[in-house]
Amino acid sequence: MFARKIQVDYLENGHSRPCPVKWLDSFSMRNFTNASIFDDSLPVGDGKMEIGKDVPLDDLRAAMEDWFRRKSYLPKEANLVLSEHS
């Protein structure tokens, strides 16, 4: 089910940092989007997630960015960067 490994970082003031597992866990534990496609996501450490093959990265990034801003984790000037690793 979790066939893909991704890195989740946020860019702030020109620096890239891994998203804390607390943030990733908060997103994964709360199905606020009512989009079952995100059910196939599992945080495994700071900046690291495993996701299902059908999870669209652009949609996941946008949903995570929205959730992190609502929770005041992610500053307005920061952006998320998701990259897939084999």
C-alpha atoms as a PDB file:
ATOM      1  CA  MET A   1       0.000   0.000   0.000  1.00  0.00           C
ATOM      2  CA  PHE A   2       2.764   2.503   0.900  1.00  0.00           C
ATOM      3  CA  ALA A   3       4.890   1.912  -2.180  1.00  0.00           C
ATOM      4  CA  ARG A   4       6.432   5.388  -2.487  1.00  0.00           C
ATOM      5  CA  LYS A   5       8.859   7.194  -0.191  1.00  0.00           C
ATOM      6  CA  ILE A   6       8.769  10.972  -0.145  1.00  0.00           C
ATOM      7  CA  GLN A   7      10.739  13.734   1.502  1.00  0.00           C
ATOM      8  CA  VAL A   8       8.685  16.626   2.913  1.00  0.00           C
ATOM      9  CA  ASP A   9      10.643  19.827   3.518  1.00  0.00           C
ATOM     10  CA  TYR A  10       9.680  23.430   4.045  1.00  0.00           C
ATOM     11  CA  LEU A  11      11.577  26.392   2.660  1.00  0.00           C
ATOM     12  CA  GLU A  12      11.861  29.425   4.887  1.00  0.00           C
ATOM     13  CA  ASN A  13      14.245  32.366   4.481  1.00  0.00           C
ATOM     14  CA  GLY A  14      16.252  30.455   1.878  1.00  0.00           C
ATOM     15  CA  HIS A  15      16.758  27.433   4.138  1.00  0.00           C
ATOM     16  CA  SER A  16      15.294  23.977   3.623  1.00  0.00           C
ATOM     17  CA  ARG A  17      14.259  22.024   6.707  1.00  0.00           C
ATOM     18  CA  PRO A  18      12.490  18.690   7.090  1.00  0.00           C
ATOM     19  CA  CYS A  19       8.929  18.975   8.369  1.00  0.00           C
ATOM     20  CA  PRO A  20       8.761  17.679  11.928  1.00  0.00           C
ATOM     21  CA  VAL A  21       7.047  14.314  12.299  1.00  0.00           C
ATOM     22  CA  LYS A  22       4.535  16.066  14.616  1.00  0.00           C
ATOM     23  CA  TRP A  23       3.277  18.075  11.629  1.00  0.00           C
ATOM     24  CA  LEU A  24       3.143  15.055   9.344  1.00  0.00           C
ATOM     25  CA  ASP A  25       1.369  12.994  11.977  1.00  0.00           C
ATOM     26  CA  SER A  26      -1.176  15.758  12.548  1.00  0.00           C
ATOM     27  CA  PHE A  27      -1.990  15.790   8.838  1.00  0.00           C
ATOM     28  CA  SER A  28      -2.158  12.009   8.531  1.00  0.00           C
ATOM     29  CA  MET A  29      -4.297  11.510  11.629  1.00  0.00           C
ATOM     30  CA  ARG A  30      -6.900  14.102  10.665  1.00  0.00           C
ATOM     31  CA  ASN A  31      -8.951  13.492   7.543  1.00  0.00           C
ATOM     32  CA  PHE A  32      -9.996  17.148   7.264  1.00  0.00           C
ATOM     33  CA  THR A  33     -10.095  17.065   3.475  1.00  0.00           C
ATOM     34  CA  ASN A  34     -12.659  14.272   3.219  1.00  0.00           C
ATOM     35  CA  ALA A  35     -10.397  12.994   0.438  1.00  0.00           C
ATOM     36  CA  SER A  36      -9.841   9.299   1.016  1.00  0.00           C
ATOM     37  CA  ILE A  37      -6.824   9.397  -1.320  1.00  0.00           C
ATOM     38  CA  PHE A  38      -4.797  10.892   1.542  1.00  0.00           C
ATOM     39  CA  ASP A  39      -5.599   7.900   3.772  1.00  0.00           C
ATOM     40  CA  ASP A  40      -2.686   6.199   2.012  1.00  0.00           C
ATOM     41  CA  SER A  41      -0.051   8.317   3.752  1.00  0.00           C
ATOM     42  CA  LEU A  42       2.123   7.314   6.682  1.00  0.00           C
ATOM     43  CA  PRO A  43       4.679   9.529   8.455  1.00  0.00           C
ATOM     44  CA  VAL A  44       7.851   7.605   9.324  1.00  0.00           C
ATOM     45  CA  GLY A  45      10.127  10.355  10.673  1.00  0.00           C
ATOM     46  CA  ASP A  46      11.049  14.017  10.371  1.00  0.00           C
ATOM     47  CA  GLY A  47      10.553  14.938   6.720  1.00  0.00           C
ATOM     48  CA  LYS A  48       9.772  11.361   5.699  1.00  0.00           C
ATOM     49  CA  MET A  49       6.516   9.797   4.565  1.00  0.00           C
ATOM     50  CA  GLU A  50       5.441   6.717   2.733  1.00  0.00           C
ATOM     51  CA  ILE A  51       2.439   7.052   0.442  1.00  0.00           C
ATOM     52  CA  GLY A  52       0.324   4.912  -1.851  1.00  0.00           C
ATOM     53  CA  LYS A  53       0.919   4.767  -5.583  1.00  0.00           C
ATOM     54  CA  ASP A  54      -2.258   6.713  -6.387  1.00  0.00           C
ATOM     55  CA  VAL A  55      -1.597   9.711  -4.117  1.00  0.00           C
ATOM     56  CA  PRO A  56      -1.003  12.791  -6.342  1.00  0.00           C
ATOM     57  CA  LEU A  57       2.028  14.736  -5.025  1.00  0.00           C
ATOM     58  CA  ASP A  58       0.759  18.177  -6.096  1.00  0.00           C
ATOM     59  CA  ASP A  59      -2.595  17.653  -4.375  1.00  0.00           C
ATOM     60  CA  LEU A  60      -0.895  16.234  -1.282  1.00  0.00           C
ATOM     61  CA  ARG A  61       1.464  19.210  -1.092  1.00  0.00           C
ATOM     62  CA  ALA A  62      -1.393  21.699  -1.418  1.00  0.00           C
ATOM     63  CA  ALA A  63      -3.512  19.923   1.216  1.00  0.00           C
ATOM     64  CA  MET A  64      -0.584  19.640   3.632  1.00  0.00           C
ATOM     65  CA  GLU A  65       0.406  23.267   3.132  1.00  0.00           C
ATOM     66  CA  ASP A  66      -3.180  24.352   3.824  1.00  0.00           C
ATOM     67  CA  TRP A  67      -3.413  22.194   6.968  1.00  0.00           C
ATOM     68  CA  PHE A  68      -0.024  23.332   8.307  1.00  0.00           C
ATOM     69  CA  ARG A  69      -1.004  26.976   7.866  1.00  0.00           C
ATOM     70  CA  ARG A  70      -4.336  26.399   9.644  1.00  0.00           C
ATOM     71  CA  LYS A  71      -2.449  24.846  12.547  1.00  0.00           C
ATOM     72  CA  SER A  72       0.053  27.775  12.505  1.00  0.00           C
ATOM     73  CA  TYR A  73       2.938  25.354  11.930  1.00  0.00           C
ATOM     74  CA  LEU A  74       3.969  26.844   8.593  1.00  0.00           C
ATOM     75  CA  PRO A  75       4.677  30.580   8.326  1.00  0.00           C
ATOM     76  CA  LYS A  76       2.985  32.441   5.468  1.00  0.00           C
ATOM     77  CA  GLU A  77       6.281  33.072   3.691  1.00  0.00           C
ATOM     78  CA  ALA A  78       7.331  29.401   3.809  1.00  0.00           C
ATOM     79  CA  ASN A  79       6.512  26.769   1.178  1.00  0.00           C
ATOM     80  CA  LEU A  80       6.470  22.988   1.169  1.00  0.00           C
ATOM     81  CA  VAL A  81       8.594  20.911  -1.172  1.00  0.00           C
ATOM     82  CA  LEU A  82       7.761  17.234  -1.700  1.00  0.00           C
ATOM     83  CA  SER A  83      10.158  14.980  -3.539  1.00  0.00           C
ATOM     84  CA  GLU A  84       9.916  11.280  -4.283  1.00  0.00           C
ATOM     85  CA  HIS A  85      12.785   8.903  -3.572  1.00  0.00           C
ATOM     86  CA  SER A  86      13.223   5.341  -4.712  1.00  0.00           C
END
